[in-house]
PDB file of N, CA and C in Angstrom:
ATOM      1  N   MET A   1     -31.951 116.257 -51.599  1.00  0.00           N
ATOM      2  CA  MET A   1     -31.173 115.794 -52.716  1.00  0.00           C
ATOM      3  C   MET A   1     -31.999 115.991 -53.974  1.00  0.00           C
ATOM      4  N   GLU A   2     -31.322 116.545 -54.972  1.00  0.00           N
ATOM      5  CA  GLU A   2     -31.943 116.767 -56.270  1.00  0.00           C
ATOM      6  C   GLU A   2     -31.057 116.144 -57.329  1.00  0.00           C
ATOM      7  N   TYR A   3     -31.641 115.870 -58.498  1.00  0.00           N
ATOM      8  CA  TYR A   3     -30.840 115.385 -59.606  1.00  0.00           C
ATOM      9  C   TYR A   3     -31.409 115.891 -60.923  1.00  0.00           C
ATOM     10  N   THR A   4     -30.530 115.968 -61.904  1.00  0.00           N
ATOM     11  CA  THR A   4     -30.944 116.247 -63.274  1.00  0.00           C
ATOM     12  C   THR A   4     -30.285 115.211 -64.169  1.00  0.00           C
ATOM     13  N   ILE A   5     -30.968 114.877 -65.245  1.00  0.00           N
ATOM     14  CA  ILE A   5     -30.433 113.940 -66.225  1.00  0.00           C
ATOM     15  C   ILE A   5     -30.272 114.691 -67.535  1.00  0.00           C
ATOM     16  N   THR A   6     -29.051 114.660 -68.062  1.00  0.00           N
ATOM     17  CA  THR A   6     -28.769 115.295 -69.340  1.00  0.00           C
ATOM     18  C   THR A   6     -28.347 114.219 -70.328  1.00  0.00           C
ATOM     19  N   PRO A   7     -29.181 113.951 -71.333  1.00  0.00           N
ATOM     20  CA  PRO A   7     -28.814 112.920 -72.303  1.00  0.00           C
ATOM     21  C   PRO A   7     -27.769 113.428 -73.294  1.00  0.00           C
ATOM     22  N   HIS A   8     -26.843 112.569 -73.606  1.00  0.00           N
ATOM     23  CA  HIS A   8     -25.843 112.818 -74.641  1.00  0.00           C
ATOM     24  C   HIS A   8     -25.925 111.663 -75.630  1.00  0.00           C
ATOM     25  N   LYS A   9     -25.196 111.779 -76.709  1.00  0.00           N
ATOM     26  CA  LYS A   9     -25.269 110.756 -77.757  1.00  0.00           C
ATOM     27  C   LYS A   9     -24.885 109.368 -77.243  1.00  0.00           C
ATOM     28  N   ARG A  10     -23.799 109.278 -76.474  1.00  0.00           N
ATOM     29  CA  ARG A  10     -23.302 107.971 -76.026  1.00  0.00           C
ATOM     30  C   ARG A  10     -23.439 107.727 -74.531  1.00  0.00           C
ATOM     31  N   CYS A  11     -24.029 108.666 -73.786  1.00  0.00           N
ATOM     32  CA  CYS A  11     -24.171 108.481 -72.345  1.00  0.00           C
ATOM     33  C   CYS A  11     -25.212 109.442 -71.794  1.00  0.00           C
ATOM     34  N   ASN A  12     -25.576 109.213 -70.553  1.00  0.00           N
ATOM     35  CA  ASN A  12     -26.391 110.161 -69.792  1.00  0.00           C
ATOM     36  C   ASN A  12     -25.533 110.723 -68.678  1.00  0.00           C
ATOM     37  N   VAL A  13     -25.645 112.029 -68.455  1.00  0.00           N
ATOM     38  CA  VAL A  13     -24.981 112.656 -67.315  1.00  0.00           C
ATOM     39  C   VAL A  13     -26.046 112.906 -66.255  1.00  0.00           C
ATOM     40  N   ILE A  14     -25.837 112.320 -65.090  1.00  0.00           N
ATOM     41  CA  ILE A  14     -26.753 112.520 -63.973  1.00  0.00           C
ATOM     42  C   ILE A  14     -26.032 113.370 -62.941  1.00  0.00           C
ATOM     43  N   THR A  15     -26.547 114.569 -62.732  1.00  0.00           N
ATOM     44  CA  THR A  15     -25.948 115.507 -61.793  1.00  0.00           C
ATOM     45  C   THR A  15     -26.703 115.412 -60.471  1.00  0.00           C
ATOM     46  N   LEU A  16     -25.971 115.107 -59.416  1.00  0.00           N
ATOM     47  CA  LEU A  16     -26.549 114.999 -58.084  1.00  0.00           C
ATOM     48  C   LEU A  16     -26.214 116.245 -57.277  1.00  0.00           C
ATOM     49  N   VAL A  17     -27.162 116.677 -56.454  1.00  0.00           N
ATOM     50  CA  VAL A  17     -26.962 117.848 -55.602  1.00  0.00           C
ATOM     51  C   VAL A  17     -27.480 117.521 -54.206  1.00  0.00           C
ATOM     52  N   GLY A  18     -26.627 117.744 -53.197  1.00  0.00           N
ATOM     53  CA  GLY A  18     -27.040 117.551 -51.810  1.00  0.00           C
ATOM     54  C   GLY A  18     -26.502 116.272 -51.205  1.00  0.00           C
ATOM     55  N   ARG A  19     -27.236 115.768 -50.218  1.00  0.00           N
ATOM     56  CA  ARG A  19     -26.839 114.560 -49.486  1.00  0.00           C
ATOM     57  C   ARG A  19     -27.460 113.333 -50.136  1.00  0.00           C
ATOM     58  N   VAL A  20     -26.647 112.290 -50.302  1.00  0.00           N
ATOM     59  CA  VAL A  20     -27.167 111.003 -50.743  1.00  0.00           C
ATOM     60  C   VAL A  20     -27.047 110.074 -49.544  1.00  0.00           C
ATOM     61  N   ASP A  21     -28.190 109.782 -48.926  1.00  0.00           N
ATOM     62  CA  ASP A  21     -28.207 108.948 -47.730  1.00  0.00           C
ATOM     63  C   ASP A  21     -29.355 107.950 -47.835  1.00  0.00           C
ATOM     64  N   GLY A  22     -29.663 107.301 -46.749  1.00  0.00           N
ATOM     65  CA  GLY A  22     -30.692 106.269 -46.769  1.00  0.00           C
ATOM     66  C   GLY A  22     -32.050 106.760 -47.236  1.00  0.00           C
ATOM     67  N   SER A  23     -32.359 108.009 -46.963  1.00  0.00           N
ATOM     68  CA  SER A  23     -33.671 108.522 -47.365  1.00  0.00           C
ATOM     69  C   SER A  23     -33.694 109.042 -48.802  1.00  0.00           C
ATOM     70  N   THR A  24     -32.546 109.415 -49.349  1.00  0.00           N
ATOM     71  CA  THR A  24     -32.519 109.953 -50.718  1.00  0.00           C
ATOM     72  C   THR A  24     -31.961 108.969 -51.745  1.00  0.00           C
ATOM     73  N   ALA A  25     -31.289 107.923 -51.299  1.00  0.00           N
ATOM     74  CA  ALA A  25     -30.718 106.938 -52.235  1.00  0.00           C
ATOM     75  C   ALA A  25     -31.770 106.319 -53.159  1.00  0.00           C
ATOM     76  N   PRO A  26     -33.005 106.072 -52.698  1.00  0.00           N
ATOM     77  CA  PRO A  26     -34.002 105.533 -53.618  1.00  0.00           C
ATOM     78  C   PRO A  26     -34.307 106.450 -54.805  1.00  0.00           C
ATOM     79  N   ARG A  27     -34.206 107.759 -54.609  1.00  0.00           N
ATOM     80  CA  ARG A  27     -34.409 108.693 -55.729  1.00  0.00           C
ATOM     81  C   ARG A  27     -33.275 108.580 -56.737  1.00  0.00           C
ATOM     82  N   VAL A  28     -32.053 108.401 -56.235  1.00  0.00           N
ATOM     83  CA  VAL A  28     -30.911 108.196 -57.132  1.00  0.00           C
ATOM     84  C   VAL A  28     -31.096 106.888 -57.895  1.00  0.00           C
ATOM     85  N   GLU A  29     -31.516 105.868 -57.179  1.00  0.00           N
ATOM     86  CA  GLU A  29     -31.753 104.569 -57.813  1.00  0.00           C
ATOM     87  C   GLU A  29     -32.810 104.676 -58.914  1.00  0.00           C
ATOM     88  N   SER A  30     -33.853 105.436 -58.661  1.00  0.00           N
ATOM     89  CA  SER A  30     -34.903 105.641 -59.650  1.00  0.00           C
ATOM     90  C   SER A  30     -34.360 106.307 -60.916  1.00  0.00           C
ATOM     91  N   ALA A  31     -33.528 107.327 -60.735  1.00  0.00           N
ATOM     92  CA  ALA A  31     -32.935 108.014 -61.883  1.00  0.00           C
ATOM     93  C   ALA A  31     -32.054 107.070 -62.692  1.00  0.00           C
ATOM     94  N   LEU A  32     -31.277 106.248 -62.002  1.00  0.00           N
ATOM     95  CA  LEU A  32     -30.396 105.313 -62.692  1.00  0.00           C
ATOM     96  C   LEU A  32     -31.192 104.231 -63.411  1.00  0.00           C
ATOM     97  N   LYS A  33     -32.266 103.776 -62.795  1.00  0.00           N
ATOM     98  CA  LYS A  33     -33.100 102.762 -63.444  1.00  0.00           C
ATOM     99  C   LYS A  33     -33.777 103.309 -64.695  1.00  0.00           C
ATOM    100  N   MET A  34     -34.110 104.602 -64.693  1.00  0.00           N
ATOM    101  CA  MET A  34     -34.679 105.220 -65.897  1.00  0.00           C
ATOM    102  C   MET A  34     -33.677 105.157 -67.041  1.00  0.00           C
ATOM    103  N   ALA A  35     -32.421 105.459 -66.747  1.00  0.00           N
ATOM    104  CA  ALA A  35     -31.382 105.397 -67.778  1.00  0.00           C
ATOM    105  C   ALA A  35     -31.226 103.973 -68.304  1.00  0.00           C
ATOM    106  N   LEU A  36     -31.193 103.009 -67.406  1.00  0.00           N
ATOM    107  CA  LEU A  36     -31.036 101.615 -67.815  1.00  0.00           C
ATOM    108  C   LEU A  36     -32.245 101.136 -68.619  1.00  0.00           C
ATOM    109  N   ALA A  37     -33.433 101.599 -68.260  1.00  0.00           N
ATOM    110  CA  ALA A  37     -34.649 101.202 -68.976  1.00  0.00           C
ATOM    111  C   ALA A  37     -34.623 101.698 -70.419  1.00  0.00           C
ATOM    112  N   GLU A  38     -33.881 102.764 -70.651  1.00  0.00           N
ATOM    113  CA  GLU A  38     -33.738 103.309 -72.008  1.00  0.00           C
ATOM    114  C   GLU A  38     -32.527 102.705 -72.724  1.00  0.00           C
ATOM    115  N   ASN A  39     -31.991 101.620 -72.145  1.00  0.00           N
ATOM    116  CA  ASN A  39     -30.808 100.944 -72.688  1.00  0.00           C
ATOM    117  C   ASN A  39     -29.593 101.870 -72.783  1.00  0.00           C
ATOM    118  N   MET A  40     -29.486 102.790 -71.846  1.00  0.00           N
ATOM    119  CA  MET A  40     -28.316 103.662 -71.772  1.00  0.00           C
ATOM    120  C   MET A  40     -27.460 103.149 -70.625  1.00  0.00           C
ATOM    121  N   TYR A  41     -26.385 102.445 -70.979  1.00  0.00           N
ATOM    122  CA  TYR A  41     -25.541 101.804 -69.978  1.00  0.00           C
ATOM    123  C   TYR A  41     -24.238 102.561 -69.727  1.00  0.00           C
ATOM    124  N   ASN A  42     -24.025 103.670 -70.401  1.00  0.00           N
ATOM    125  CA  ASN A  42     -22.897 104.549 -70.116  1.00  0.00           C
ATOM    126  C   ASN A  42     -23.450 105.720 -69.318  1.00  0.00           C
ATOM    127  N   ILE A  43     -23.027 105.816 -68.067  1.00  0.00           N
ATOM    128  CA  ILE A  43     -23.599 106.809 -67.158  1.00  0.00           C
ATOM    129  C   ILE A  43     -22.476 107.588 -66.475  1.00  0.00           C
ATOM    130  N   VAL A  44     -22.589 108.902 -66.540  1.00  0.00           N
ATOM    131  CA  VAL A  44     -21.676 109.806 -65.839  1.00  0.00           C
ATOM    132  C   VAL A  44     -22.425 110.365 -64.639  1.00  0.00           C
ATOM    133  N   ILE A  45     -21.863 110.194 -63.448  1.00  0.00           N
ATOM    134  CA  ILE A  45     -22.446 110.761 -62.234  1.00  0.00           C
ATOM    135  C   ILE A  45     -21.621 111.979 -61.850  1.00  0.00           C
ATOM    136  N   GLU A  46     -22.216 113.161 -61.980  1.00  0.00           N
ATOM    137  CA  GLU A  46     -21.527 114.414 -61.661  1.00  0.00           C
ATOM    138  C   GLU A  46     -21.809 114.749 -60.208  1.00  0.00           C
ATOM    139  N   MET A  47     -20.743 114.804 -59.389  1.00  0.00           N
ATOM    140  CA  MET A  47     -20.896 114.902 -57.939  1.00  0.00           C
ATOM    141  C   MET A  47     -20.310 116.178 -57.326  1.00  0.00           C
ATOM    142  N   THR A  48     -20.149 117.224 -58.102  1.00  0.00           N
ATOM    143  CA  THR A  48     -19.573 118.463 -57.588  1.00  0.00           C
ATOM    144  C   THR A  48     -20.310 118.968 -56.356  1.00  0.00           C
ATOM    145  N   ASP A  49     -21.634 118.887 -56.370  1.00  0.00           N
ATOM    146  CA  ASP A  49     -22.439 119.449 -55.285  1.00  0.00           C
ATOM    147  C   ASP A  49     -22.993 118.395 -54.323  1.00  0.00           C
ATOM    148  N   VAL A  50     -22.350 117.231 -54.292  1.00  0.00           N
ATOM    149  CA  VAL A  50     -22.714 116.201 -53.315  1.00  0.00           C
ATOM    150  C   VAL A  50     -21.828 116.419 -52.091  1.00  0.00           C
ATOM    151  N   ASP A  51     -22.458 116.659 -50.947  1.00  0.00           N
ATOM    152  CA  ASP A  51     -21.662 116.921 -49.751  1.00  0.00           C
ATOM    153  C   ASP A  51     -21.620 115.745 -48.780  1.00  0.00           C
ATOM    154  N   PHE A  52     -22.399 114.691 -49.060  1.00  0.00           N
ATOM    155  CA  PHE A  52     -22.360 113.497 -48.214  1.00  0.00           C
ATOM    156  C   PHE A  52     -22.861 112.316 -49.031  1.00  0.00           C
ATOM    157  N   MET A  53     -22.195 111.173 -48.865  1.00  0.00           N
ATOM    158  CA  MET A  53     -22.593 109.955 -49.560  1.00  0.00           C
ATOM    159  C   MET A  53     -22.556 108.821 -48.549  1.00  0.00           C
ATOM    160  N   SER A  54     -23.710 108.263 -48.224  1.00  0.00           N
ATOM    161  CA  SER A  54     -23.768 107.163 -47.263  1.00  0.00           C
ATOM    162  C   SER A  54     -23.540 105.838 -47.975  1.00  0.00           C
ATOM    163  N   SER A  55     -23.465 104.786 -47.197  1.00  0.00           N
ATOM    164  CA  SER A  55     -23.301 103.457 -47.778  1.00  0.00           C
ATOM    165  C   SER A  55     -24.493 103.096 -48.659  1.00  0.00           C
ATOM    166  N   ALA A  56     -25.674 103.591 -48.317  1.00  0.00           N
ATOM    167  CA  ALA A  56     -26.858 103.328 -49.146  1.00  0.00           C
ATOM    168  C   ALA A  56     -26.680 103.918 -50.539  1.00  0.00           C
ATOM    169  N   GLY A  57     -26.106 105.105 -50.597  1.00  0.00           N
ATOM    170  CA  GLY A  57     -25.827 105.732 -51.896  1.00  0.00           C
ATOM    171  C   GLY A  57     -24.789 104.956 -52.687  1.00  0.00           C
ATOM    172  N   TRP A  58     -23.726 104.527 -51.996  1.00  0.00           N
ATOM    173  CA  TRP A  58     -22.696 103.744 -52.689  1.00  0.00           C
ATOM    174  C   TRP A  58     -23.259 102.446 -53.222  1.00  0.00           C
ATOM    175  N   TRP A  59     -24.141 101.784 -52.446  1.00  0.00           N
ATOM    176  CA  TRP A  59     -24.700 100.518 -52.918  1.00  0.00           C
ATOM    177  C   TRP A  59     -25.533 100.703 -54.173  1.00  0.00           C
ATOM    178  N   VAL A  60     -26.240 101.816 -54.266  1.00  0.00           N
ATOM    179  CA  VAL A  60     -27.011 102.098 -55.487  1.00  0.00           C
ATOM    180  C   VAL A  60     -26.052 102.217 -56.682  1.00  0.00           C
ATOM    181  N   LEU A  61     -24.968 102.934 -56.497  1.00  0.00           N
ATOM    182  CA  LEU A  61     -24.000 103.100 -57.590  1.00  0.00           C
ATOM    183  C   LEU A  61     -23.304 101.783 -57.924  1.00  0.00           C
ATOM    184  N   ILE A  62     -22.971 101.002 -56.909  1.00  0.00           N
ATOM    185  CA  ILE A  62     -22.297  99.720 -57.135  1.00  0.00           C
ATOM    186  C   ILE A  62     -23.214  98.758 -57.885  1.00  0.00           C
ATOM    187  N   GLU A  63     -24.465  98.679 -57.483  1.00  0.00           N
ATOM    188  CA  GLU A  63     -25.411  97.789 -58.172  1.00  0.00           C
ATOM    189  C   GLU A  63     -25.630  98.233 -59.613  1.00  0.00           C
ATOM    190  N   THR A  64     -25.680  99.534 -59.841  1.00  0.00           N
ATOM    191  CA  THR A  64     -25.830 100.043 -61.205  1.00  0.00           C
ATOM    192  C   THR A  64     -24.586  99.730 -62.024  1.00  0.00           C
ATOM    193  N   GLN A  65     -23.417  99.874 -61.416  1.00  0.00           N
ATOM    194  CA  GLN A  65     -22.170  99.540 -62.108  1.00  0.00           C
ATOM    195  C   GLN A  65     -22.168  98.068 -62.532  1.00  0.00           C
ATOM    196  N   LYS A  66     -22.603  97.190 -61.641  1.00  0.00           N
ATOM    197  CA  LYS A  66     -22.663  95.762 -61.968  1.00  0.00           C
ATOM    198  C   LYS A  66     -23.555  95.527 -63.176  1.00  0.00           C
ATOM    199  N   GLU A  67     -24.713  96.181 -63.182  1.00  0.00           N
ATOM    200  CA  GLU A  67     -25.653  96.012 -64.295  1.00  0.00           C
ATOM    201  C   GLU A  67     -25.066  96.554 -65.603  1.00  0.00           C
ATOM    202  N   CYS A  68     -24.394  97.698 -65.526  1.00  0.00           N
ATOM    203  CA  CYS A  68     -23.808  98.301 -66.724  1.00  0.00           C
ATOM    204  C   CYS A  68     -22.672  97.454 -67.290  1.00  0.00           C
ATOM    205  N   LYS A  69     -21.865  96.900 -66.416  1.00  0.00           N
ATOM    206  CA  LYS A  69     -20.717  96.122 -66.870  1.00  0.00           C
ATOM    207  C   LYS A  69     -21.082  94.706 -67.314  1.00  0.00           C
ATOM    208  N   LYS A  70     -22.293  94.267 -66.955  1.00  0.00           N
ATOM    209  CA  LYS A  70     -22.735  92.943 -67.352  1.00  0.00           C
ATOM    210  C   LYS A  70     -22.710  92.851 -68.877  1.00  0.00           C
ATOM    211  N   SER A  71     -22.054  91.863 -69.391  1.00  0.00           N
ATOM    212  CA  SER A  71     -21.944  91.630 -70.844  1.00  0.00           C
ATOM    213  C   SER A  71     -21.293  92.807 -71.566  1.00  0.00           C
ATOM    214  N   ASN A  72     -20.454  93.563 -70.852  1.00  0.00           N
ATOM    215  CA  ASN A  72     -19.728  94.701 -71.450  1.00  0.00           C
ATOM    216  C   ASN A  72     -20.651  95.728 -72.094  1.00  0.00           C
ATOM    217  N   LYS A  73     -21.779  96.012 -71.459  1.00  0.00           N
ATOM    218  CA  LYS A  73     -22.732  96.976 -72.008  1.00  0.00           C
ATOM    219  C   LYS A  73     -22.260  98.413 -71.836  1.00  0.00           C
ATOM    220  N   GLY A  74     -21.600  98.716 -70.718  1.00  0.00           N
ATOM    221  CA  GLY A  74     -21.174 100.078 -70.431  1.00  0.00           C
ATOM    222  C   GLY A  74     -20.600 100.162 -69.037  1.00  0.00           C
ATOM    223  N   GLU A  75     -20.614 101.379 -68.469  1.00  0.00           N
ATOM    224  CA  GLU A  75     -20.115 101.557 -67.109  1.00  0.00           C
ATOM    225  C   GLU A  75     -20.578 102.879 -66.529  1.00  0.00           C
ATOM    226  N   VAL A  76     -20.447 102.969 -65.216  1.00  0.00           N
ATOM    227  CA  VAL A  76     -20.717 104.191 -64.471  1.00  0.00           C
ATOM    228  C   VAL A  76     -19.368 104.834 -64.162  1.00  0.00           C
ATOM    229  N   VAL A  77     -19.229 106.122 -64.477  1.00  0.00           N
ATOM    230  CA  VAL A  77     -18.021 106.859 -64.114  1.00  0.00           C
ATOM    231  C   VAL A  77     -18.434 108.041 -63.240  1.00  0.00           C
ATOM    232  N   LEU A  78     -17.523 108.481 -62.391  1.00  0.00           N
ATOM    233  CA  LEU A  78     -17.804 109.554 -61.438  1.00  0.00           C
ATOM    234  C   LEU A  78     -16.987 110.791 -61.773  1.00  0.00           C
ATOM    235  N   VAL A  79     -17.578 111.957 -61.518  1.00  0.00           N
ATOM    236  CA  VAL A  79     -16.905 113.231 -61.810  1.00  0.00           C
ATOM    237  C   VAL A  79     -16.941 114.121 -60.580  1.00  0.00           C
ATOM    238  N   ASN A  80     -15.809 114.752 -60.305  1.00  0.00           N
ATOM    239  CA  ASN A  80     -15.683 115.747 -59.227  1.00  0.00           C
ATOM    240  C   ASN A  80     -16.121 115.214 -57.863  1.00  0.00           C
ATOM    241  N   VAL A  81     -15.577 114.072 -57.504  1.00  0.00           N
ATOM    242  CA  VAL A  81     -15.878 113.481 -56.196  1.00  0.00           C
ATOM    243  C   VAL A  81     -15.015 114.195 -55.153  1.00  0.00           C
ATOM    244  N   LYS A  82     -15.651 114.779 -54.165  1.00  0.00           N
ATOM    245  CA  LYS A  82     -14.917 115.485 -53.107  1.00  0.00           C
ATOM    246  C   LYS A  82     -14.038 114.516 -52.343  1.00  0.00           C
ATOM    247  N   GLU A  83     -12.939 115.014 -51.835  1.00  0.00           N
ATOM    248  CA  GLU A  83     -11.943 114.174 -51.167  1.00  0.00           C
ATOM    249  C   GLU A  83     -12.519 113.389 -49.995  1.00  0.00           C
ATOM    250  N   LYS A  84     -13.346 114.018 -49.177  1.00  0.00           N
ATOM    251  CA  LYS A  84     -13.903 113.293 -48.028  1.00  0.00           C
ATOM    252  C   LYS A  84     -14.825 112.156 -48.473  1.00  0.00           C
ATOM    253  N   ILE A  85     -15.498 112.326 -49.590  1.00  0.00           N
ATOM    254  CA  ILE A  85     -16.357 111.267 -50.126  1.00  0.00           C
ATOM    255  C   ILE A  85     -15.505 110.186 -50.778  1.00  0.00           C
ATOM    256  N   ARG A  86     -14.478 110.596 -51.495  1.00  0.00           N
ATOM    257  CA  ARG A  86     -13.556 109.642 -52.117  1.00  0.00           C
ATOM    258  C   ARG A  86     -12.863 108.794 -51.056  1.00  0.00           C
ATOM    259  N   SER A  87     -12.554 109.400 -49.916  1.00  0.00           N
ATOM    260  CA  SER A  87     -11.911 108.663 -48.822  1.00  0.00           C
ATOM    261  C   SER A  87     -12.790 107.526 -48.320  1.00  0.00           C
ATOM    262  N   SER A  88     -14.100 107.756 -48.260  1.00  0.00           N
ATOM    263  CA  SER A  88     -15.007 106.691 -47.810  1.00  0.00           C
ATOM    264  C   SER A  88     -15.023 105.539 -48.802  1.00  0.00           C
ATOM    265  N   LEU A  89     -14.896 105.849 -50.071  1.00  0.00           N
ATOM    266  CA  LEU A  89     -14.836 104.808 -51.095  1.00  0.00           C
ATOM    267  C   LEU A  89     -13.527 104.036 -50.984  1.00  0.00           C
ATOM    268  N   ASN A  90     -12.440 104.746 -50.726  1.00  0.00           N
ATOM    269  CA  ASN A  90     -11.145 104.098 -50.539  1.00  0.00           C
ATOM    270  C   ASN A  90     -11.147 103.199 -49.310  1.00  0.00           C
ATOM    271  N   LEU A  91     -11.811 103.664 -48.257  1.00  0.00           N
ATOM    272  CA  LEU A  91     -11.845 102.939 -46.996  1.00  0.00           C
ATOM    273  C   LEU A  91     -12.424 101.530 -47.144  1.00  0.00           C
ATOM    274  N   VAL A  92     -13.431 101.387 -48.006  1.00  0.00           N
ATOM    275  CA  VAL A  92     -14.054 100.083 -48.204  1.00  0.00           C
ATOM    276  C   VAL A  92     -13.461  99.315 -49.380  1.00  0.00           C
ATOM    277  N   GLY A  93     -12.389  99.851 -49.965  1.00  0.00           N
ATOM    278  CA  GLY A  93     -11.691  99.154 -51.035  1.00  0.00           C
ATOM    279  C   GLY A  93     -12.375  99.191 -52.389  1.00  0.00           C
ATOM    280  N   MET A  94     -13.257 100.159 -52.598  1.00  0.00           N
ATOM    281  CA  MET A  94     -13.979 100.253 -53.861  1.00  0.00           C
ATOM    282  C   MET A  94     -13.459 101.379 -54.748  1.00  0.00           C
ATOM    283  N   ASP A  95     -12.316 101.943 -54.400  1.00  0.00           N
ATOM    284  CA  ASP A  95     -11.808 103.086 -55.148  1.00  0.00           C
ATOM    285  C   ASP A  95     -11.448 102.746 -56.592  1.00  0.00           C
ATOM    286  N   THR A  96     -11.170 101.502 -56.894  1.00  0.00           N
ATOM    287  CA  THR A  96     -10.832 101.136 -58.273  1.00  0.00           C
ATOM    288  C   THR A  96     -12.049 100.609 -59.036  1.00  0.00           C
ATOM    289  N   TYR A  97     -13.189 100.564 -58.391  1.00  0.00           N
ATOM    290  CA  TYR A  97     -14.397 100.037 -59.032  1.00  0.00           C
ATOM    291  C   TYR A  97     -15.015 101.042 -60.004  1.00  0.00           C
ATOM    292  N   PHE A  98     -14.711 102.321 -59.805  1.00  0.00           N
ATOM    293  CA  PHE A  98     -15.220 103.386 -60.671  1.00  0.00           C
ATOM    294  C   PHE A  98     -14.061 104.188 -61.244  1.00  0.00           C
ATOM    295  N   LYS A  99     -14.155 104.541 -62.522  1.00  0.00           N
ATOM    296  CA  LYS A  99     -13.240 105.528 -63.077  1.00  0.00           C
ATOM    297  C   LYS A  99     -13.702 106.878 -62.563  1.00  0.00           C
ATOM    298  N   MET A 100     -12.717 107.729 -62.229  1.00  0.00           N
ATOM    299  CA  MET A 100     -13.049 109.060 -61.725  1.00  0.00           C
ATOM    300  C   MET A 100     -12.380 110.111 -62.595  1.00  0.00           C
ATOM    301  N   PHE A 101     -13.145 111.166 -62.859  1.00  0.00           N
ATOM    302  CA  PHE A 101     -12.676 112.263 -63.693  1.00  0.00           C
ATOM    303  C   PHE A 101     -12.852 113.575 -62.946  1.00  0.00           C
ATOM    304  N   ASP A 102     -12.063 114.564 -63.357  1.00  0.00           N
ATOM    305  CA  ASP A 102     -12.161 115.893 -62.769  1.00  0.00           C
ATOM    306  C   ASP A 102     -13.036 116.821 -63.610  1.00  0.00           C
ATOM    307  N   ASP A 103     -13.452 116.347 -64.785  1.00  0.00           N
ATOM    308  CA  ASP A 103     -14.163 117.196 -65.721  1.00  0.00           C
ATOM    309  C   ASP A 103     -15.239 116.372 -66.444  1.00  0.00           C
ATOM    310  N   VAL A 104     -16.440 116.932 -66.555  1.00  0.00           N
ATOM    311  CA  VAL A 104     -17.539 116.227 -67.216  1.00  0.00           C
ATOM    312  C   VAL A 104     -17.208 115.955 -68.683  1.00  0.00           C
ATOM    313  N   ILE A 105     -16.566 116.898 -69.345  1.00  0.00           N
ATOM    314  CA  ILE A 105     -16.233 116.716 -70.768  1.00  0.00           C
ATOM    315  C   ILE A 105     -15.330 115.505 -70.956  1.00  0.00           C
ATOM    316  N   ASP A 106     -14.337 115.357 -70.081  1.00  0.00           N
ATOM    317  CA  ASP A 106     -13.447 114.200 -70.166  1.00  0.00           C
ATOM    318  C   ASP A 106     -14.210 112.895 -69.893  1.00  0.00           C
ATOM    319  N   ALA A 107     -15.117 112.944 -68.930  1.00  0.00           N
ATOM    320  CA  ALA A 107     -15.907 111.750 -68.603  1.00  0.00           C
ATOM    321  C   ALA A 107     -16.798 111.345 -69.771  1.00  0.00           C
ATOM    322  N   VAL A 108     -17.493 112.294 -70.348  1.00  0.00           N
ATOM    323  CA  VAL A 108     -18.358 112.021 -71.504  1.00  0.00           C
ATOM    324  C   VAL A 108     -17.500 111.506 -72.667  1.00  0.00           C
ATOM    325  N   GLY A 109     -16.342 112.106 -72.859  1.00  0.00           N
ATOM    326  CA  GLY A 109     -15.436 111.699 -73.938  1.00  0.00           C
ATOM    327  C   GLY A 109     -14.846 110.318 -73.749  1.00  0.00           C
ATOM    328  N   SER A 110     -14.907 109.788 -72.532  1.00  0.00           N
ATOM    329  CA  SER A 110     -14.336 108.466 -72.290  1.00  0.00           C
ATOM    330  C   SER A 110     -15.188 107.357 -72.904  1.00  0.00           C
ATOM    331  N   PHE A 111     -16.391 107.693 -73.318  1.00  0.00           N
ATOM    332  CA  PHE A 111     -17.250 106.704 -73.974  1.00  0.00           C
ATOM    333  C   PHE A 111     -17.076 106.825 -75.455  1.00  0.00           C
TER     334      PHE A 111
END
């Protein structure tokens, strides 16, 4: 699993590539904590090249979402979530916890 962080004026775009599972979720968490440490609470997670997302990965995103939404600071939005990954989110009833976009430009523009 690899990631890149692209700063924008009102948000950071974090692009994930590969599998997000128990062994790689801590790296995702580290990237998200870097954004939060810089007081950037609007975060776009670009998931075009994510082929697997375990519960460990979802928990990292859920905990980050909680922190971002605390005191209306911001939020985490998801882009290009593959159907099989989206189904796992629906299965646990968290499908409405994140806004989802089909395009990074639209996601960035939502802030």
